[in-house]
């Protein structure tokens, strides 16, 4: 998993790439749910193009973490 800060954007955001397994995605979700993973960056985009472990449970987890981030005043987007 690689997290890159895109400072030239307005607003600056973190781009996360390279999540390939359910374990890595679960680790990422736990970090985001506590929102310590990205410090000052309230905008996070997650590229799941490499992820291949799709299931209804994964979709539910992504929806839950996106909602929790929004409730905390953060913006989190996943794309595949």
PDB file of N, CA and C in Angstrom:
ATOM      1  N   UNK A   1       0.855  -1.165   0.000  1.00  0.00           N
ATOM      2  CA  UNK A   1       0.000   0.000   0.000  1.00  0.00           C
ATOM      3  C   UNK A   1       0.900   1.226   0.000  1.00  0.00           C
ATOM      4  N   UNK A   2       0.585   2.148  -0.885  1.00  0.00           N
ATOM      5  CA  UNK A   2       1.350   3.385  -1.011  1.00  0.00           C
ATOM      6  C   UNK A   2       0.393   4.551  -0.828  1.00  0.00           C
ATOM      7  N   UNK A   3       0.744   5.474   0.042  1.00  0.00           N
ATOM      8  CA  UNK A   3      -0.044   6.690   0.241  1.00  0.00           C
ATOM      9  C   UNK A   3       0.787   7.873  -0.230  1.00  0.00           C
ATOM     10  N   UNK A   4       0.248   8.624  -1.173  1.00  0.00           N
ATOM     11  CA  UNK A   4       0.935   9.789  -1.720  1.00  0.00           C
ATOM     12  C   UNK A   4       0.128  11.040  -1.416  1.00  0.00           C
ATOM     13  N   UNK A   5       0.802  12.055  -0.922  1.00  0.00           N
ATOM     14  CA  UNK A   5       0.155  13.338  -0.653  1.00  0.00           C
ATOM     15  C   UNK A   5       0.245  14.178  -1.921  1.00  0.00           C
ATOM     16  N   UNK A   6      -0.892  14.711  -2.359  1.00  0.00           N
ATOM     17  CA  UNK A   6      -0.951  15.558  -3.547  1.00  0.00           C
ATOM     18  C   UNK A   6      -1.152  16.986  -3.059  1.00  0.00           C
ATOM     19  N   UNK A   7      -0.034  17.676  -2.849  1.00  0.00           N
ATOM     20  CA  UNK A   7      -0.085  19.012  -2.255  1.00  0.00           C
ATOM     21  C   UNK A   7      -0.556  20.072  -3.235  1.00  0.00           C
ATOM     22  N   UNK A   8      -0.342  19.870  -4.540  1.00  0.00           N
ATOM     23  CA  UNK A   8      -0.708  20.871  -5.536  1.00  0.00           C
ATOM     24  C   UNK A   8      -2.204  20.960  -5.787  1.00  0.00           C
ATOM     25  N   UNK A   9      -2.947  20.025  -5.278  1.00  0.00           N
ATOM     26  CA  UNK A   9      -4.399  20.034  -5.477  1.00  0.00           C
ATOM     27  C   UNK A   9      -5.048  21.010  -4.508  1.00  0.00           C
ATOM     28  N   UNK A  10      -6.259  21.411  -4.842  1.00  0.00           N
ATOM     29  CA  UNK A  10      -7.008  22.295  -3.952  1.00  0.00           C
ATOM     30  C   UNK A  10      -8.361  21.658  -3.659  1.00  0.00           C
ATOM     31  N   UNK A  11      -8.534  21.087  -2.501  1.00  0.00           N
ATOM     32  CA  UNK A  11      -7.618  21.003  -1.363  1.00  0.00           C
ATOM     33  C   UNK A  11      -6.621  19.851  -1.533  1.00  0.00           C
ATOM     34  N   UNK A  12      -5.524  19.907  -0.774  1.00  0.00           N
ATOM     35  CA  UNK A  12      -4.563  18.813  -0.803  1.00  0.00           C
ATOM     36  C   UNK A  12      -5.231  17.515  -0.345  1.00  0.00           C
ATOM     37  N   UNK A  13      -4.829  16.396  -0.935  1.00  0.00           N
ATOM     38  CA  UNK A  13      -5.422  15.123  -0.562  1.00  0.00           C
ATOM     39  C   UNK A  13      -4.374  14.022  -0.546  1.00  0.00           C
ATOM     40  N   UNK A  14      -4.766  12.891  -0.007  1.00  0.00           N
ATOM     41  CA  UNK A  14      -3.920  11.702   0.013  1.00  0.00           C
ATOM     42  C   UNK A  14      -4.515  10.713  -0.981  1.00  0.00           C
ATOM     43  N   UNK A  15      -3.654  10.151  -1.845  1.00  0.00           N
ATOM     44  CA  UNK A  15      -4.048   9.100  -2.778  1.00  0.00           C
ATOM     45  C   UNK A  15      -3.435   7.801  -2.291  1.00  0.00           C
ATOM     46  N   UNK A  16      -4.264   6.802  -2.040  1.00  0.00           N
ATOM     47  CA  UNK A  16      -3.804   5.494  -1.563  1.00  0.00           C
ATOM     48  C   UNK A  16      -3.945   4.501  -2.709  1.00  0.00           C
ATOM     49  N   UNK A  17      -2.859   3.787  -3.002  1.00  0.00           N
ATOM     50  CA  UNK A  17      -2.849   2.807  -4.084  1.00  0.00           C
ATOM     51  C   UNK A  17      -2.219   1.509  -3.603  1.00  0.00           C
ATOM     52  N   UNK A  18      -2.468   0.438  -4.335  1.00  0.00           N
ATOM     53  CA  UNK A  18      -1.774  -0.818  -4.094  1.00  0.00           C
ATOM     54  C   UNK A  18      -2.413  -1.752  -3.090  1.00  0.00           C
ATOM     55  N   UNK A  19      -3.645  -1.513  -2.700  1.00  0.00           N
ATOM     56  CA  UNK A  19      -4.327  -2.439  -1.791  1.00  0.00           C
ATOM     57  C   UNK A  19      -4.786  -3.628  -2.630  1.00  0.00           C
ATOM     58  N   UNK A  20      -4.245  -4.815  -2.310  1.00  0.00           N
ATOM     59  CA  UNK A  20      -4.534  -5.986  -3.127  1.00  0.00           C
ATOM     60  C   UNK A  20      -5.286  -7.084  -2.390  1.00  0.00           C
ATOM     61  N   UNK A  21      -5.299  -7.045  -1.073  1.00  0.00           N
ATOM     62  CA  UNK A  21      -5.913  -8.137  -0.315  1.00  0.00           C
ATOM     63  C   UNK A  21      -6.935  -7.608   0.686  1.00  0.00           C
ATOM     64  N   UNK A  22      -7.797  -8.512   1.124  1.00  0.00           N
ATOM     65  CA  UNK A  22      -8.780  -8.149   2.154  1.00  0.00           C
ATOM     66  C   UNK A  22      -8.091  -7.726   3.438  1.00  0.00           C
ATOM     67  N   UNK A  23      -6.986  -8.387   3.762  1.00  0.00           N
ATOM     68  CA  UNK A  23      -6.250  -8.039   4.987  1.00  0.00           C
ATOM     69  C   UNK A  23      -5.723  -6.603   4.920  1.00  0.00           C
ATOM     70  N   UNK A  24      -5.138  -6.237   3.796  1.00  0.00           N
ATOM     71  CA  UNK A  24      -4.635  -4.867   3.647  1.00  0.00           C
ATOM     72  C   UNK A  24      -5.774  -3.862   3.692  1.00  0.00           C
ATOM     73  N   UNK A  25      -6.891  -4.194   3.053  1.00  0.00           N
ATOM     74  CA  UNK A  25      -8.039  -3.288   3.076  1.00  0.00           C
ATOM     75  C   UNK A  25      -8.595  -3.146   4.490  1.00  0.00           C
ATOM     76  N   UNK A  26      -8.662  -4.237   5.237  1.00  0.00           N
ATOM     77  CA  UNK A  26      -9.141  -4.183   6.623  1.00  0.00           C
ATOM     78  C   UNK A  26      -8.230  -3.318   7.484  1.00  0.00           C
ATOM     79  N   UNK A  27      -6.927  -3.450   7.291  1.00  0.00           N
ATOM     80  CA  UNK A  27      -5.971  -2.621   8.036  1.00  0.00           C
ATOM     81  C   UNK A  27      -6.194  -1.145   7.710  1.00  0.00           C
ATOM     82  N   UNK A  28      -6.365  -0.853   6.427  1.00  0.00           N
ATOM     83  CA  UNK A  28      -6.614   0.519   6.008  1.00  0.00           C
ATOM     84  C   UNK A  28      -7.906   1.053   6.627  1.00  0.00           C
ATOM     85  N   UNK A  29      -8.963   0.250   6.587  1.00  0.00           N
ATOM     86  CA  UNK A  29     -10.256   0.673   7.136  1.00  0.00           C
ATOM     87  C   UNK A  29     -10.151   0.950   8.630  1.00  0.00           C
ATOM     88  N   UNK A  30      -9.442   0.107   9.374  1.00  0.00           N
ATOM     89  CA  UNK A  30      -9.269   0.354  10.819  1.00  0.00           C
ATOM     90  C   UNK A  30      -8.555   1.672  11.054  1.00  0.00           C
ATOM     91  N   UNK A  31      -7.543   1.965  10.248  1.00  0.00           N
ATOM     92  CA  UNK A  31      -6.802   3.217  10.398  1.00  0.00           C
ATOM     93  C   UNK A  31      -7.702   4.414  10.116  1.00  0.00           C
ATOM     94  N   UNK A  32      -8.494   4.325   9.061  1.00  0.00           N
ATOM     95  CA  UNK A  32      -9.368   5.439   8.703  1.00  0.00           C
ATOM     96  C   UNK A  32     -10.477   5.624   9.733  1.00  0.00           C
ATOM     97  N   UNK A  33     -11.011   4.536  10.253  1.00  0.00           N
ATOM     98  CA  UNK A  33     -12.077   4.649  11.250  1.00  0.00           C
ATOM     99  C   UNK A  33     -11.596   5.403  12.488  1.00  0.00           C
ATOM    100  N   UNK A  34     -10.341   5.350  12.766  1.00  0.00           N
ATOM    101  CA  UNK A  34      -9.775   6.117  13.887  1.00  0.00           C
ATOM    102  C   UNK A  34      -9.245   7.463  13.394  1.00  0.00           C
ATOM    103  N   UNK A  35      -9.164   7.615  12.111  1.00  0.00           N
ATOM    104  CA  UNK A  35      -8.718   8.810  11.387  1.00  0.00           C
ATOM    105  C   UNK A  35      -7.383   9.370  11.880  1.00  0.00           C
ATOM    106  N   UNK A  36      -6.473   8.482  12.216  1.00  0.00           N
ATOM    107  CA  UNK A  36      -5.135   8.951  12.538  1.00  0.00           C
ATOM    108  C   UNK A  36      -4.190   8.711  11.376  1.00  0.00           C
ATOM    109  N   UNK A  37      -4.611   7.967  10.382  1.00  0.00           N
ATOM    110  CA  UNK A  37      -3.710   7.528   9.315  1.00  0.00           C
ATOM    111  C   UNK A  37      -3.171   8.678   8.476  1.00  0.00           C
ATOM    112  N   UNK A  38      -3.925   9.748   8.321  1.00  0.00           N
ATOM    113  CA  UNK A  38      -3.515  10.769   7.378  1.00  0.00           C
ATOM    114  C   UNK A  38      -3.355  12.154   7.984  1.00  0.00           C
ATOM    115  N   UNK A  39      -3.351  12.216   9.278  1.00  0.00           N
ATOM    116  CA  UNK A  39      -3.061  13.476   9.957  1.00  0.00           C
ATOM    117  C   UNK A  39      -3.937  14.608   9.489  1.00  0.00           C
ATOM    118  N   UNK A  40      -3.328  15.613   8.916  1.00  0.00           N
ATOM    119  CA  UNK A  40      -4.027  16.852   8.574  1.00  0.00           C
ATOM    120  C   UNK A  40      -4.852  16.766   7.295  1.00  0.00           C
ATOM    121  N   UNK A  41      -4.779  15.676   6.572  1.00  0.00           N
ATOM    122  CA  UNK A  41      -5.471  15.589   5.287  1.00  0.00           C
ATOM    123  C   UNK A  41      -6.883  15.057   5.473  1.00  0.00           C
ATOM    124  N   UNK A  42      -7.851  15.901   5.188  1.00  0.00           N
ATOM    125  CA  UNK A  42      -9.257  15.542   5.350  1.00  0.00           C
ATOM    126  C   UNK A  42      -9.836  14.894   4.097  1.00  0.00           C
ATOM    127  N   UNK A  43      -9.047  14.859   3.025  1.00  0.00           N
ATOM    128  CA  UNK A  43      -9.516  14.309   1.758  1.00  0.00           C
ATOM    129  C   UNK A  43      -8.631  13.125   1.380  1.00  0.00           C
ATOM    130  N   UNK A  44      -9.251  11.967   1.208  1.00  0.00           N
ATOM    131  CA  UNK A  44      -8.517  10.748   0.879  1.00  0.00           C
ATOM    132  C   UNK A  44      -9.225  10.051  -0.280  1.00  0.00           C
ATOM    133  N   UNK A  45      -8.443   9.676  -1.297  1.00  0.00           N
ATOM    134  CA  UNK A  45      -8.937   8.908  -2.437  1.00  0.00           C
ATOM    135  C   UNK A  45      -8.212   7.570  -2.422  1.00  0.00           C
ATOM    136  N   UNK A  46      -8.968   6.484  -2.553  1.00  0.00           N
ATOM    137  CA  UNK A  46      -8.399   5.145  -2.505  1.00  0.00           C
ATOM    138  C   UNK A  46      -8.634   4.456  -3.847  1.00  0.00           C
ATOM    139  N   UNK A  47      -7.539   4.108  -4.508  1.00  0.00           N
ATOM    140  CA  UNK A  47      -7.582   3.403  -5.787  1.00  0.00           C
ATOM    141  C   UNK A  47      -7.576   1.905  -5.503  1.00  0.00           C
ATOM    142  N   UNK A  48      -8.671   1.233  -5.814  1.00  0.00           N
ATOM    143  CA  UNK A  48      -8.781  -0.206  -5.581  1.00  0.00           C
ATOM    144  C   UNK A  48      -8.684  -1.009  -6.879  1.00  0.00           C
ATOM    145  N   UNK A  49      -7.988  -0.478  -7.880  1.00  0.00           N
ATOM    146  CA  UNK A  49      -7.811  -1.187  -9.143  1.00  0.00           C
ATOM    147  C   UNK A  49      -7.085  -2.514  -8.965  1.00  0.00           C
ATOM    148  N   UNK A  50      -6.195  -2.612  -7.986  1.00  0.00           N
ATOM    149  CA  UNK A  50      -5.431  -3.838  -7.756  1.00  0.00           C
ATOM    150  C   UNK A  50      -6.156  -4.814  -6.841  1.00  0.00           C
ATOM    151  N   UNK A  51      -7.274  -4.395  -6.284  1.00  0.00           N
ATOM    152  CA  UNK A  51      -7.990  -5.219  -5.316  1.00  0.00           C
ATOM    153  C   UNK A  51      -8.852  -6.232  -6.048  1.00  0.00           C
ATOM    154  N   UNK A  52      -8.825  -7.487  -5.612  1.00  0.00           N
ATOM    155  CA  UNK A  52      -9.585  -8.508  -6.306  1.00  0.00           C
ATOM    156  C   UNK A  52     -10.455  -9.360  -5.413  1.00  0.00           C
ATOM    157  N   UNK A  53     -10.657  -8.918  -4.189  1.00  0.00           N
ATOM    158  CA  UNK A  53     -11.350  -9.736  -3.187  1.00  0.00           C
ATOM    159  C   UNK A  53     -12.749  -9.206  -2.902  1.00  0.00           C
ATOM    160  N   UNK A  54     -13.509  -8.868  -3.941  1.00  0.00           N
ATOM    161  CA  UNK A  54     -14.806  -8.226  -3.758  1.00  0.00           C
ATOM    162  C   UNK A  54     -15.842  -9.210  -3.221  1.00  0.00           C
ATOM    163  N   UNK A  55     -16.580  -8.758  -2.269  1.00  0.00           N
ATOM    164  CA  UNK A  55     -17.676  -9.537  -1.694  1.00  0.00           C
ATOM    165  C   UNK A  55     -18.701  -8.543  -1.152  1.00  0.00           C
ATOM    166  N   UNK A  56     -19.910  -9.000  -0.850  1.00  0.00           N
ATOM    167  CA  UNK A  56     -20.896  -8.084  -0.249  1.00  0.00           C
ATOM    168  C   UNK A  56     -20.388  -7.500   1.075  1.00  0.00           C
ATOM    169  N   UNK A  57     -19.647  -8.282   1.849  1.00  0.00           N
ATOM    170  CA  UNK A  57     -19.114  -7.790   3.118  1.00  0.00           C
ATOM    171  C   UNK A  57     -18.133  -6.640   2.889  1.00  0.00           C
ATOM    172  N   UNK A  58     -17.284  -6.760   1.883  1.00  0.00           N
ATOM    173  CA  UNK A  58     -16.332  -5.694   1.571  1.00  0.00           C
ATOM    174  C   UNK A  58     -17.088  -4.434   1.176  1.00  0.00           C
ATOM    175  N   UNK A  59     -18.102  -4.575   0.336  1.00  0.00           N
ATOM    176  CA  UNK A  59     -18.893  -3.411  -0.072  1.00  0.00           C
ATOM    177  C   UNK A  59     -19.550  -2.741   1.125  1.00  0.00           C
ATOM    178  N   UNK A  60     -20.070  -3.533   2.054  1.00  0.00           N
ATOM    179  CA  UNK A  60     -20.690  -2.982   3.267  1.00  0.00           C
ATOM    180  C   UNK A  60     -19.668  -2.246   4.121  1.00  0.00           C
ATOM    181  N   UNK A  61     -18.462  -2.815   4.249  1.00  0.00           N
ATOM    182  CA  UNK A  61     -17.401  -2.170   5.038  1.00  0.00           C
ATOM    183  C   UNK A  61     -17.004  -0.838   4.417  1.00  0.00           C
ATOM    184  N   UNK A  62     -16.886  -0.796   3.084  1.00  0.00           N
ATOM    185  CA  UNK A  62     -16.522   0.455   2.412  1.00  0.00           C
ATOM    186  C   UNK A  62     -17.599   1.520   2.620  1.00  0.00           C
ATOM    187  N   UNK A  63     -18.847   1.124   2.550  1.00  0.00           N
ATOM    188  CA  UNK A  63     -19.933   2.073   2.784  1.00  0.00           C
ATOM    189  C   UNK A  63     -19.904   2.591   4.222  1.00  0.00           C
ATOM    190  N   UNK A  64     -19.634   1.704   5.169  1.00  0.00           N
ATOM    191  CA  UNK A  64     -19.591   2.112   6.578  1.00  0.00           C
ATOM    192  C   UNK A  64     -18.452   3.071   6.854  1.00  0.00           C
ATOM    193  N   UNK A  65     -17.272   2.791   6.331  1.00  0.00           N
ATOM    194  CA  UNK A  65     -16.126   3.663   6.600  1.00  0.00           C
ATOM    195  C   UNK A  65     -16.288   5.008   5.891  1.00  0.00           C
ATOM    196  N   UNK A  66     -16.896   5.012   4.716  1.00  0.00           N
ATOM    197  CA  UNK A  66     -17.142   6.273   4.015  1.00  0.00           C
ATOM    198  C   UNK A  66     -18.133   7.131   4.799  1.00  0.00           C
ATOM    199  N   UNK A  67     -19.177   6.506   5.313  1.00  0.00           N
ATOM    200  CA  UNK A  67     -20.149   7.232   6.137  1.00  0.00           C
ATOM    201  C   UNK A  67     -19.550   7.755   7.423  1.00  0.00           C
ATOM    202  N   UNK A  68     -18.728   6.933   8.083  1.00  0.00           N
ATOM    203  CA  UNK A  68     -18.082   7.361   9.332  1.00  0.00           C
ATOM    204  C   UNK A  68     -17.132   8.525   9.078  1.00  0.00           C
ATOM    205  N   UNK A  69     -16.404   8.483   7.969  1.00  0.00           N
ATOM    206  CA  UNK A  69     -15.498   9.582   7.634  1.00  0.00           C
ATOM    207  C   UNK A  69     -16.294  10.865   7.409  1.00  0.00           C
ATOM    208  N   UNK A  70     -17.391  10.761   6.668  1.00  0.00           N
ATOM    209  CA  UNK A  70     -18.227  11.943   6.409  1.00  0.00           C
ATOM    210  C   UNK A  70     -18.802  12.501   7.706  1.00  0.00           C
ATOM    211  N   UNK A  71     -19.237  11.625   8.592  1.00  0.00           N
ATOM    212  CA  UNK A  71     -19.771  12.066   9.879  1.00  0.00           C
ATOM    213  C   UNK A  71     -18.726  12.803  10.702  1.00  0.00           C
ATOM    214  N   UNK A  72     -17.454  12.445  10.514  1.00  0.00           N
ATOM    215  CA  UNK A  72     -16.360  13.082  11.250  1.00  0.00           C
ATOM    216  C   UNK A  72     -15.836  14.327  10.535  1.00  0.00           C
ATOM    217  N   UNK A  73     -16.445  14.677   9.394  1.00  0.00           N
ATOM    218  CA  UNK A  73     -16.021  15.877   8.673  1.00  0.00           C
ATOM    219  C   UNK A  73     -14.914  15.632   7.680  1.00  0.00           C
ATOM    220  N   UNK A  74     -14.700  14.391   7.277  1.00  0.00           N
ATOM    221  CA  UNK A  74     -13.670  14.045   6.310  1.00  0.00           C
ATOM    222  C   UNK A  74     -14.316  13.567   5.014  1.00  0.00           C
ATOM    223  N   UNK A  75     -13.538  13.567   3.939  1.00  0.00           N
ATOM    224  CA  UNK A  75     -14.022  13.117   2.644  1.00  0.00           C
ATOM    225  C   UNK A  75     -13.199  11.921   2.226  1.00  0.00           C
ATOM    226  N   UNK A  76     -13.850  10.810   1.966  1.00  0.00           N
ATOM    227  CA  UNK A  76     -13.183   9.569   1.610  1.00  0.00           C
ATOM    228  C   UNK A  76     -13.883   8.968   0.401  1.00  0.00           C
ATOM    229  N   UNK A  77     -13.121   8.667  -0.652  1.00  0.00           N
ATOM    230  CA  UNK A  77     -13.702   8.088  -1.866  1.00  0.00           C
ATOM    231  C   UNK A  77     -12.907   6.866  -2.277  1.00  0.00           C
ATOM    232  N   UNK A  78     -13.622   5.844  -2.711  1.00  0.00           N
ATOM    233  CA  UNK A  78     -13.012   4.625  -3.235  1.00  0.00           C
ATOM    234  C   UNK A  78     -13.369   4.509  -4.703  1.00  0.00           C
ATOM    235  N   UNK A  79     -12.411   4.080  -5.533  1.00  0.00           N
ATOM    236  CA  UNK A  79     -12.756   3.769  -6.918  1.00  0.00           C
ATOM    237  C   UNK A  79     -12.007   2.527  -7.341  1.00  0.00           C
ATOM    238  N   UNK A  80     -12.617   1.796  -8.252  1.00  0.00           N
ATOM    239  CA  UNK A  80     -11.998   0.562  -8.734  1.00  0.00           C
ATOM    240  C   UNK A  80     -11.830   0.602 -10.232  1.00  0.00           C
TER     241      UNK A  80
END
